[in-house]
Amino acid sequence: MNLLKKFFTSSTKTASKKLVAVYVCFRALAIFMLINQLIMLRWGDALILVLTLVLFAIPHLVERVFKIEIPNLLELIILLFIFSSTVLGELSDFYGYFKIWDTALHTLNGFLAAGVGFSLVYLLNKNAEGIKLSPLFLAIVTFCFSMTVGVMWEFFEYSADRWLNLDMQKDRMVQQINSVSIGVEKNDVAHIGNIGRTIIESKDDSGKRLETVIDGGYLDIGIIDTMKDLYVNLLGAIVFSVFGFLYAHHDEKKYRFVRNFIPRKKE
């Protein structure tokens, strides 16, 4: 019983009672959905829920390993982001119901990842002897860290689509394509515009011919979504990098809201 209670209430030592309640609700819902997906033999969705439960433990592990204290606001935003992207976005299809959902989450991801990157180098800069990094250098590292996290997430989405038959890189309808693969001459870029319909021919396991008709254009299978995600991640990374630069440049005397995103070293 104690082990079960510890699992559901596990959080950082600095978490408030309200934050612990959020942990309990999110974990309980994820466990309920995981059992349901296992019963229905939906292994891909079950893996996403397992990943969600693992991600919920990251703030606690980071706090223990690096001996830091994570602000409650930052921890709450991280939990909401994880829940919104996996449980709501992927499994409840909020990405399909709300077109802005994916864009908002990837923008927030760029902002949060930049906050984490800034925290790492800022704590090092403040507590390590013989190191004095300039605010500009802190901002550059912050930006690069955020973009690296964004790229790694796109790798994960591609891998899930490629090997687990998911659709994390959402499809987009386009009305024109440019390709050297259909050009008359080698390396000749062929352009097809005003696409109104795409017909896909395939075969099932028995060899029977199947035909799938897609009205409205050509179905792009991920590249547009991936690039859009990286662009908005770029936006979030730039925003936090600028505020991080100003916060460090003014020696913590201005833009103090940045403190809500910076873990503190344990006393």
C-alpha atoms as a PDB file:
ATOM      1  CA  MET A   1       0.000   0.000   0.000  1.00  0.00           C
ATOM      2  CA  ASN A   2       2.803   2.397   0.867  1.00  0.00           C
ATOM      3  CA  LEU A   3       4.542   1.564  -2.410  1.00  0.00           C
ATOM      4  CA  LEU A   4       1.369   2.344  -4.349  1.00  0.00           C
ATOM      5  CA  LYS A   5       0.909   5.617  -2.484  1.00  0.00           C
ATOM      6  CA  LYS A   6       4.528   6.549  -3.138  1.00  0.00           C
ATOM      7  CA  PHE A   7       4.111   5.847  -6.850  1.00  0.00           C
ATOM      8  CA  PHE A   8       1.081   8.109  -7.264  1.00  0.00           C
ATOM      9  CA  THR A   9       2.320  10.937  -5.020  1.00  0.00           C
ATOM     10  CA  SER A  10       5.987  10.881  -6.035  1.00  0.00           C
ATOM     11  CA  SER A  11       7.127  14.437  -6.780  1.00  0.00           C
ATOM     12  CA  THR A  12       9.881  16.883  -5.986  1.00  0.00           C
ATOM     13  CA  LYS A  13      10.492  17.686  -2.327  1.00  0.00           C
ATOM     14  CA  THR A  14       9.536  21.317  -2.915  1.00  0.00           C
ATOM     15  CA  ALA A  15       6.185  20.481  -4.565  1.00  0.00           C
ATOM     16  CA  SER A  16       3.132  22.051  -2.948  1.00  0.00           C
ATOM     17  CA  LYS A  17       0.043  20.031  -1.971  1.00  0.00           C
ATOM     18  CA  LYS A  18      -1.820  21.293  -5.028  1.00  0.00           C
ATOM     19  CA  LEU A  19       1.024  20.157  -7.278  1.00  0.00           C
ATOM     20  CA  VAL A  20       1.031  16.704  -5.661  1.00  0.00           C
ATOM     21  CA  ALA A  21      -2.717  16.513  -6.355  1.00  0.00           C
ATOM     22  CA  VAL A  22      -1.987  17.195 -10.024  1.00  0.00           C
ATOM     23  CA  TYR A  23       0.532  14.331 -10.032  1.00  0.00           C
ATOM     24  CA  VAL A  24      -2.044  11.960  -8.500  1.00  0.00           C
ATOM     25  CA  CYS A  25      -4.775  12.882 -11.003  1.00  0.00           C
ATOM     26  CA  PHE A  26      -2.529  12.650 -14.045  1.00  0.00           C
ATOM     27  CA  ARG A  27      -0.951   9.347 -12.993  1.00  0.00           C
ATOM     28  CA  ALA A  28      -4.314   7.787 -12.125  1.00  0.00           C
ATOM     29  CA  LEU A  29      -5.747   8.753 -15.496  1.00  0.00           C
ATOM     30  CA  ALA A  30      -2.666   7.485 -17.331  1.00  0.00           C
ATOM     31  CA  ILE A  31      -2.817   4.127 -15.489  1.00  0.00           C
ATOM     32  CA  PHE A  32      -6.529   3.758 -16.268  1.00  0.00           C
ATOM     33  CA  MET A  33      -5.926   4.469 -19.959  1.00  0.00           C
ATOM     34  CA  LEU A  34      -2.889   2.139 -20.028  1.00  0.00           C
ATOM     35  CA  ILE A  35      -4.926  -0.794 -18.710  1.00  0.00           C
ATOM     36  CA  ASN A  36      -7.614  -0.061 -21.286  1.00  0.00           C
ATOM     37  CA  GLN A  37      -5.102   0.045 -24.157  1.00  0.00           C
ATOM     38  CA  LEU A  38      -3.483  -3.219 -23.034  1.00  0.00           C
ATOM     39  CA  ILE A  39      -6.881  -4.935 -22.964  1.00  0.00           C
ATOM     40  CA  MET A  40      -7.545  -3.685 -26.507  1.00  0.00           C
ATOM     41  CA  LEU A  41      -4.021  -4.774 -27.599  1.00  0.00           C
ATOM     42  CA  ARG A  42      -3.083  -1.274 -28.769  1.00  0.00           C
ATOM     43  CA  TRP A  43       0.629  -1.577 -28.129  1.00  0.00           C
ATOM     44  CA  GLY A  44       1.616   1.748 -29.690  1.00  0.00           C
ATOM     45  CA  ASP A  45      -0.795   3.740 -27.504  1.00  0.00           C
ATOM     46  CA  ALA A  46       0.248   1.693 -24.473  1.00  0.00           C
ATOM     47  CA  LEU A  47       3.887   2.597 -25.126  1.00  0.00           C
ATOM     48  CA  ILE A  48       2.979   6.292 -25.239  1.00  0.00           C
ATOM     49  CA  LEU A  49       1.256   5.987 -21.844  1.00  0.00           C
ATOM     50  CA  VAL A  50       4.274   4.186 -20.356  1.00  0.00           C
ATOM     51  CA  LEU A  51       6.460   6.971 -21.722  1.00  0.00           C
ATOM     52  CA  THR A  52       4.090   9.504 -20.126  1.00  0.00           C
ATOM     53  CA  LEU A  53       4.475   7.884 -16.696  1.00  0.00           C
ATOM     54  CA  VAL A  54       8.254   7.851 -17.109  1.00  0.00           C
ATOM     55  CA  LEU A  55       8.284  11.532 -18.089  1.00  0.00           C
ATOM     56  CA  PHE A  56       6.232  12.412 -14.992  1.00  0.00           C
ATOM     57  CA  ALA A  57       9.164  11.152 -12.882  1.00  0.00           C
ATOM     58  CA  ILE A  58      11.765  13.342 -14.590  1.00  0.00           C
ATOM     59  CA  PRO A  59      11.452  16.432 -12.298  1.00  0.00           C
ATOM     60  CA  HIS A  60      11.943  14.226  -9.231  1.00  0.00           C
ATOM     61  CA  LEU A  61      14.946  12.430 -10.764  1.00  0.00           C
ATOM     62  CA  VAL A  62      16.545  15.667 -11.959  1.00  0.00           C
ATOM     63  CA  GLU A  63      16.157  17.195  -8.501  1.00  0.00           C
ATOM     64  CA  ARG A  64      17.811  14.174  -6.851  1.00  0.00           C
ATOM     65  CA  VAL A  65      20.636  13.693  -9.359  1.00  0.00           C
ATOM     66  CA  PHE A  66      21.634  17.339  -9.709  1.00  0.00           C
ATOM     67  CA  LYS A  67      20.734  18.302  -6.097  1.00  0.00           C
ATOM     68  CA  ILE A  68      18.619  21.263  -7.105  1.00  0.00           C
ATOM     69  CA  GLU A  69      15.173  22.624  -6.237  1.00  0.00           C
ATOM     70  CA  ILE A  70      12.684  23.040  -9.090  1.00  0.00           C
ATOM     71  CA  PRO A  71      10.223  25.971  -8.777  1.00  0.00           C
ATOM     72  CA  ASN A  72       6.580  24.887  -8.498  1.00  0.00           C
ATOM     73  CA  LEU A  73       5.512  26.935 -11.530  1.00  0.00           C
ATOM     74  CA  LEU A  74       8.131  25.306 -13.749  1.00  0.00           C
ATOM     75  CA  GLU A  75       7.227  21.832 -12.480  1.00  0.00           C
ATOM     76  CA  LEU A  76       3.503  22.448 -13.058  1.00  0.00           C
ATOM     77  CA  ILE A  77       4.100  23.683 -16.615  1.00  0.00           C
ATOM     78  CA  ILE A  78       6.257  20.623 -17.347  1.00  0.00           C
ATOM     79  CA  LEU A  79       3.511  18.279 -16.105  1.00  0.00           C
ATOM     80  CA  LEU A  80       0.824  20.090 -18.084  1.00  0.00           C
ATOM     81  CA  PHE A  81       3.006  20.007 -21.177  1.00  0.00           C
ATOM     82  CA  ILE A  82       3.610  16.245 -20.900  1.00  0.00           C
ATOM     83  CA  PHE A  83      -0.067  15.513 -20.284  1.00  0.00           C
ATOM     84  CA  SER A  84      -1.228  17.837 -23.057  1.00  0.00           C
ATOM     85  CA  SER A  85       1.147  16.419 -25.658  1.00  0.00           C
ATOM     86  CA  THR A  86       0.745  12.677 -24.989  1.00  0.00           C
ATOM     87  CA  VAL A  87      -2.604  11.974 -23.305  1.00  0.00           C
ATOM     88  CA  LEU A  88      -4.594  14.852 -24.813  1.00  0.00           C
ATOM     89  CA  GLY A  89      -2.677  15.462 -28.027  1.00  0.00           C
ATOM     90  CA  GLU A  90      -1.824  11.964 -29.246  1.00  0.00           C
ATOM     91  CA  LEU A  91      -4.317   9.664 -27.541  1.00  0.00           C
ATOM     92  CA  SER A  92      -7.343  11.986 -27.366  1.00  0.00           C
ATOM     93  CA  ASP A  93      -6.618  13.497 -30.805  1.00  0.00           C
ATOM     94  CA  PHE A  94      -6.573  17.111 -29.657  1.00  0.00           C
ATOM     95  CA  TYR A  95      -4.099  17.620 -32.500  1.00  0.00           C
ATOM     96  CA  GLY A  96      -6.948  16.801 -34.889  1.00  0.00           C
ATOM     97  CA  TYR A  97      -9.701  18.697 -33.081  1.00  0.00           C
ATOM     98  CA  PHE A  98      -7.676  21.861 -32.468  1.00  0.00           C
ATOM     99  CA  LYS A  99      -5.279  22.816 -35.258  1.00  0.00           C
ATOM    100  CA  ILE A 100      -3.415  25.246 -32.989  1.00  0.00           C
ATOM    101  CA  TRP A 101      -2.788  22.572 -30.319  1.00  0.00           C
ATOM    102  CA  ASP A 102       0.386  21.189 -31.893  1.00  0.00           C
ATOM    103  CA  THR A 103       1.739  24.652 -32.704  1.00  0.00           C
ATOM    104  CA  ALA A 104       1.137  25.940 -29.172  1.00  0.00           C
ATOM    105  CA  LEU A 105       2.792  22.920 -27.542  1.00  0.00           C
ATOM    106  CA  HIS A 106       5.890  23.047 -29.728  1.00  0.00           C
ATOM    107  CA  THR A 107       6.234  26.784 -29.072  1.00  0.00           C
ATOM    108  CA  LEU A 108       5.958  26.083 -25.347  1.00  0.00           C
ATOM    109  CA  ASN A 109       8.450  23.244 -25.729  1.00  0.00           C
ATOM    110  CA  GLY A 110      10.981  25.628 -27.242  1.00  0.00           C
ATOM    111  CA  PHE A 111      10.415  28.058 -24.358  1.00  0.00           C
ATOM    112  CA  LEU A 112      10.658  25.393 -21.627  1.00  0.00           C
ATOM    113  CA  ALA A 113      13.670  23.647 -23.144  1.00  0.00           C
ATOM    114  CA  ALA A 114      15.408  27.001 -23.358  1.00  0.00           C
ATOM    115  CA  GLY A 115      14.586  27.541 -19.690  1.00  0.00           C
ATOM    116  CA  VAL A 116      16.151  24.212 -18.777  1.00  0.00           C
ATOM    117  CA  GLY A 117      19.248  24.929 -20.865  1.00  0.00           C
ATOM    118  CA  PHE A 118      19.601  28.393 -19.353  1.00  0.00           C
ATOM    119  CA  SER A 119      19.236  26.942 -15.847  1.00  0.00           C
ATOM    120  CA  LEU A 120      22.041  24.435 -16.370  1.00  0.00           C
ATOM    121  CA  VAL A 121      24.634  26.938 -17.519  1.00  0.00           C
ATOM    122  CA  TYR A 122      23.389  29.687 -15.185  1.00  0.00           C
ATOM    123  CA  LEU A 123      23.765  27.484 -12.106  1.00  0.00           C
ATOM    124  CA  LEU A 124      27.208  26.457 -13.308  1.00  0.00           C
ATOM    125  CA  ASN A 125      28.129  30.077 -13.859  1.00  0.00           C
ATOM    126  CA  LYS A 126      26.985  31.056 -10.383  1.00  0.00           C
ATOM    127  CA  ASN A 127      28.388  28.170  -8.357  1.00  0.00           C
ATOM    128  CA  ALA A 128      31.555  26.959 -10.110  1.00  0.00           C
ATOM    129  CA  GLU A 129      34.809  28.630  -9.163  1.00  0.00           C
ATOM    130  CA  GLY A 130      36.859  30.193 -11.951  1.00  0.00           C
ATOM    131  CA  ILE A 131      33.934  30.344 -14.412  1.00  0.00           C
ATOM    132  CA  LYS A 132      32.425  33.650 -15.498  1.00  0.00           C
ATOM    133  CA  LEU A 133      30.338  33.291 -18.633  1.00  0.00           C
ATOM    134  CA  SER A 134      28.990  36.362 -20.385  1.00  0.00           C
ATOM    135  CA  PRO A 135      25.195  36.904 -20.714  1.00  0.00           C
ATOM    136  CA  LEU A 136      25.541  36.563 -24.495  1.00  0.00           C
ATOM    137  CA  PHE A 137      27.227  33.174 -24.161  1.00  0.00           C
ATOM    138  CA  LEU A 138      24.475  32.044 -21.773  1.00  0.00           C
ATOM    139  CA  ALA A 139      21.855  33.096 -24.320  1.00  0.00           C
ATOM    140  CA  ILE A 140      23.597  31.261 -27.172  1.00  0.00           C
ATOM    141  CA  VAL A 141      23.897  28.020 -25.166  1.00  0.00           C
ATOM    142  CA  THR A 142      20.255  28.406 -24.106  1.00  0.00           C
ATOM    143  CA  PHE A 143      19.139  28.722 -27.706  1.00  0.00           C
ATOM    144  CA  CYS A 144      21.257  25.786 -28.925  1.00  0.00           C
ATOM    145  CA  PHE A 145      20.040  23.527 -26.102  1.00  0.00           C
ATOM    146  CA  SER A 146      16.400  24.275 -26.892  1.00  0.00           C
ATOM    147  CA  MET A 147      16.820  23.603 -30.611  1.00  0.00           C
ATOM    148  CA  THR A 148      18.650  20.337 -29.883  1.00  0.00           C
ATOM    149  CA  VAL A 149      15.752  19.158 -27.716  1.00  0.00           C
ATOM    150  CA  GLY A 150      13.320  20.124 -30.480  1.00  0.00           C
ATOM    151  CA  VAL A 151      15.257  18.155 -33.089  1.00  0.00           C
ATOM    152  CA  MET A 152      15.540  15.113 -30.825  1.00  0.00           C
ATOM    153  CA  TRP A 153      11.767  15.158 -30.325  1.00  0.00           C
ATOM    154  CA  GLU A 154      11.248  15.181 -34.094  1.00  0.00           C
ATOM    155  CA  PHE A 155      13.562  12.163 -34.298  1.00  0.00           C
ATOM    156  CA  PHE A 156      11.316  10.435 -31.750  1.00  0.00           C
ATOM    157  CA  GLU A 157       8.169  11.295 -33.743  1.00  0.00           C
ATOM    158  CA  TYR A 158       9.698   9.965 -36.951  1.00  0.00           C
ATOM    159  CA  SER A 159      10.856   6.763 -35.242  1.00  0.00           C
ATOM    160  CA  ALA A 160       7.390   6.176 -33.745  1.00  0.00           C
ATOM    161  CA  ASP A 161       5.765   6.660 -37.146  1.00  0.00           C
ATOM    162  CA  ARG A 162       8.321   4.504 -38.931  1.00  0.00           C
ATOM    163  CA  TRP A 163       8.459   1.510 -36.585  1.00  0.00           C
ATOM    164  CA  LEU A 164       5.261   1.670 -34.496  1.00  0.00           C
ATOM    165  CA  ASN A 165       2.880   2.654 -37.314  1.00  0.00           C
ATOM    166  CA  LEU A 166       1.759   5.830 -35.524  1.00  0.00           C
ATOM    167  CA  ASP A 167       1.100   9.244 -37.027  1.00  0.00           C
ATOM    168  CA  MET A 168       2.886  11.694 -34.741  1.00  0.00           C
ATOM    169  CA  GLN A 169       4.175  13.671 -37.718  1.00  0.00           C
ATOM    170  CA  LYS A 170       0.761  14.846 -38.859  1.00  0.00           C
ATOM    171  CA  ASP A 171      -0.176  14.741 -42.539  1.00  0.00           C
ATOM    172  CA  ARG A 172      -0.891  17.910 -44.488  1.00  0.00           C
ATOM    173  CA  MET A 173      -2.794  18.459 -47.731  1.00  0.00           C
ATOM    174  CA  VAL A 174      -0.796  20.348 -50.353  1.00  0.00           C
ATOM    175  CA  GLN A 175      -1.834  21.444 -53.828  1.00  0.00           C
ATOM    176  CA  GLN A 176       1.601  21.502 -55.439  1.00  0.00           C
ATOM    177  CA  ILE A 177       4.853  19.532 -55.367  1.00  0.00           C
ATOM    178  CA  ASN A 178       8.346  19.983 -56.790  1.00  0.00           C
ATOM    179  CA  SER A 179      10.503  16.910 -57.341  1.00  0.00           C
ATOM    180  CA  VAL A 180      13.486  15.730 -59.371  1.00  0.00           C
ATOM    181  CA  SER A 181      12.187  12.149 -59.087  1.00  0.00           C
ATOM    182  CA  ILE A 182       9.499  12.802 -61.700  1.00  0.00           C
ATOM    183  CA  GLY A 183      11.531  15.140 -63.891  1.00  0.00           C
ATOM    184  CA  VAL A 184      12.106  14.310 -67.535  1.00  0.00           C
ATOM    185  CA  GLU A 185      15.841  14.945 -67.352  1.00  0.00           C
ATOM    186  CA  LYS A 186      18.241  14.043 -64.546  1.00  0.00           C
ATOM    187  CA  ASN A 187      18.224  16.688 -61.797  1.00  0.00           C
ATOM    188  CA  ASP A 188      15.407  18.454 -63.657  1.00  0.00           C
ATOM    189  CA  VAL A 189      12.911  19.772 -61.098  1.00  0.00           C
ATOM    190  CA  ALA A 190       9.380  18.925 -62.161  1.00  0.00           C
ATOM    191  CA  HIS A 191       6.548  21.096 -60.846  1.00  0.00           C
ATOM    192  CA  ILE A 192       2.955  19.896 -60.457  1.00  0.00           C
ATOM    193  CA  GLY A 193       0.461  22.527 -59.370  1.00  0.00           C
ATOM    194  CA  ASN A 194      -3.281  22.783 -58.720  1.00  0.00           C
ATOM    195  CA  ILE A 195      -3.468  19.175 -57.474  1.00  0.00           C
ATOM    196  CA  GLY A 196      -7.105  18.250 -56.895  1.00  0.00           C
ATOM    197  CA  ARG A 197      -6.922  14.532 -56.204  1.00  0.00           C
ATOM    198  CA  THR A 198      -4.383  11.824 -55.382  1.00  0.00           C
ATOM    199  CA  ILE A 199      -4.984   8.157 -56.197  1.00  0.00           C
ATOM    200  CA  ILE A 200      -2.951   5.559 -54.309  1.00  0.00           C
ATOM    201  CA  GLU A 201      -2.824   1.972 -55.558  1.00  0.00           C
ATOM    202  CA  SER A 202      -1.815  -0.790 -53.147  1.00  0.00           C
ATOM    203  CA  LYS A 203      -2.345  -4.485 -52.387  1.00  0.00           C
ATOM    204  CA  ASP A 204      -3.556  -6.230 -49.245  1.00  0.00           C
ATOM    205  CA  ASP A 205      -1.990  -9.361 -47.742  1.00  0.00           C
ATOM    206  CA  SER A 206      -3.906 -11.599 -50.134  1.00  0.00           C
ATOM    207  CA  GLY A 207      -2.668  -9.659 -53.155  1.00  0.00           C
ATOM    208  CA  LYS A 208      -5.987  -7.974 -53.862  1.00  0.00           C
ATOM    209  CA  ARG A 209      -5.620  -4.571 -55.525  1.00  0.00           C
ATOM    210  CA  LEU A 210      -6.773  -1.618 -53.437  1.00  0.00           C
ATOM    211  CA  GLU A 211      -7.328   1.973 -54.494  1.00  0.00           C
ATOM    212  CA  THR A 212      -7.395   4.907 -52.087  1.00  0.00           C
ATOM    213  CA  VAL A 213      -8.614   8.269 -53.348  1.00  0.00           C
ATOM    214  CA  ILE A 214      -7.556  11.443 -51.525  1.00  0.00           C
ATOM    215  CA  ASP A 215      -9.587  14.496 -52.513  1.00  0.00           C
ATOM    216  CA  GLY A 216      -8.269  18.013 -52.082  1.00  0.00           C
ATOM    217  CA  GLY A 217      -4.653  17.599 -53.144  1.00  0.00           C
ATOM    218  CA  TYR A 218      -1.531  15.601 -52.388  1.00  0.00           C
ATOM    219  CA  LEU A 219      -0.990  14.102 -48.926  1.00  0.00           C
ATOM    220  CA  ASP A 220       2.302  15.252 -47.438  1.00  0.00           C
ATOM    221  CA  ILE A 221       3.325  12.710 -44.794  1.00  0.00           C
ATOM    222  CA  GLY A 222       5.284  14.703 -42.267  1.00  0.00           C
ATOM    223  CA  ILE A 223       7.869  17.128 -43.617  1.00  0.00           C
ATOM    224  CA  ILE A 224       5.639  20.219 -43.431  1.00  0.00           C
ATOM    225  CA  ASP A 225       4.558  19.366 -39.878  1.00  0.00           C
ATOM    226  CA  THR A 226       8.162  18.733 -38.835  1.00  0.00           C
ATOM    227  CA  MET A 227       9.445  22.006 -40.234  1.00  0.00           C
ATOM    228  CA  LYS A 228       6.535  23.955 -38.749  1.00  0.00           C
ATOM    229  CA  ASP A 229       7.296  22.412 -35.346  1.00  0.00           C
ATOM    230  CA  LEU A 230      10.954  23.407 -35.596  1.00  0.00           C
ATOM    231  CA  TYR A 231      10.054  26.951 -36.639  1.00  0.00           C
ATOM    232  CA  VAL A 232       7.767  27.511 -33.627  1.00  0.00           C
ATOM    233  CA  ASN A 233      10.341  25.809 -31.382  1.00  0.00           C
ATOM    234  CA  LEU A 234      12.782  28.374 -32.750  1.00  0.00           C
ATOM    235  CA  LEU A 235      10.369  31.146 -31.743  1.00  0.00           C
ATOM    236  CA  GLY A 236      10.042  29.855 -28.171  1.00  0.00           C
ATOM    237  CA  ALA A 237      13.811  29.405 -27.899  1.00  0.00           C
ATOM    238  CA  ILE A 238      14.485  32.958 -29.073  1.00  0.00           C
ATOM    239  CA  VAL A 239      11.974  34.466 -26.639  1.00  0.00           C
ATOM    240  CA  PHE A 240      13.451  32.790 -23.567  1.00  0.00           C
ATOM    241  CA  SER A 241      17.034  33.331 -24.745  1.00  0.00           C
ATOM    242  CA  VAL A 242      16.371  37.075 -24.977  1.00  0.00           C
ATOM    243  CA  PHE A 243      14.815  37.216 -21.510  1.00  0.00           C
ATOM    244  CA  GLY A 244      17.595  35.032 -20.125  1.00  0.00           C
ATOM    245  CA  PHE A 245      20.179  37.392 -21.599  1.00  0.00           C
ATOM    246  CA  LEU A 246      18.457  40.445 -20.092  1.00  0.00           C
ATOM    247  CA  TYR A 247      18.076  38.710 -16.713  1.00  0.00           C
ATOM    248  CA  ALA A 248      21.781  37.830 -16.570  1.00  0.00           C
ATOM    249  CA  HIS A 249      22.865  41.169 -18.031  1.00  0.00           C
ATOM    250  CA  HIS A 250      21.033  43.084 -15.275  1.00  0.00           C
ATOM    251  CA  ASP A 251      22.418  40.700 -12.614  1.00  0.00           C
ATOM    252  CA  GLU A 252      18.963  39.407 -11.582  1.00  0.00           C
ATOM    253  CA  LYS A 253      17.679  42.896 -10.748  1.00  0.00           C
ATOM    254  CA  LYS A 254      15.243  43.044 -13.680  1.00  0.00           C
ATOM    255  CA  TYR A 255      13.020  40.514 -15.458  1.00  0.00           C
ATOM    256  CA  ARG A 256      12.709  38.607 -12.191  1.00  0.00           C
ATOM    257  CA  PHE A 257       9.873  36.412 -13.517  1.00  0.00           C
ATOM    258  CA  VAL A 258      12.671  34.362 -15.116  1.00  0.00           C
ATOM    259  CA  ARG A 259      13.391  33.009 -11.620  1.00  0.00           C
ATOM    260  CA  ASN A 260      10.219  30.913 -11.874  1.00  0.00           C
ATOM    261  CA  PHE A 261      11.943  28.870 -14.580  1.00  0.00           C
ATOM    262  CA  ILE A 262      15.352  28.527 -12.950  1.00  0.00           C
ATOM    263  CA  PRO A 263      15.995  25.644 -10.510  1.00  0.00           C
ATOM    264  CA  ARG A 264      17.934  26.642  -7.388  1.00  0.00           C
ATOM    265  CA  LYS A 265      20.853  24.842  -5.828  1.00  0.00           C
ATOM    266  CA  LYS A 266      19.925  23.090  -2.595  1.00  0.00           C
ATOM    267  CA  GLU A 267      21.249  24.716   0.519  1.00  0.00           C
END
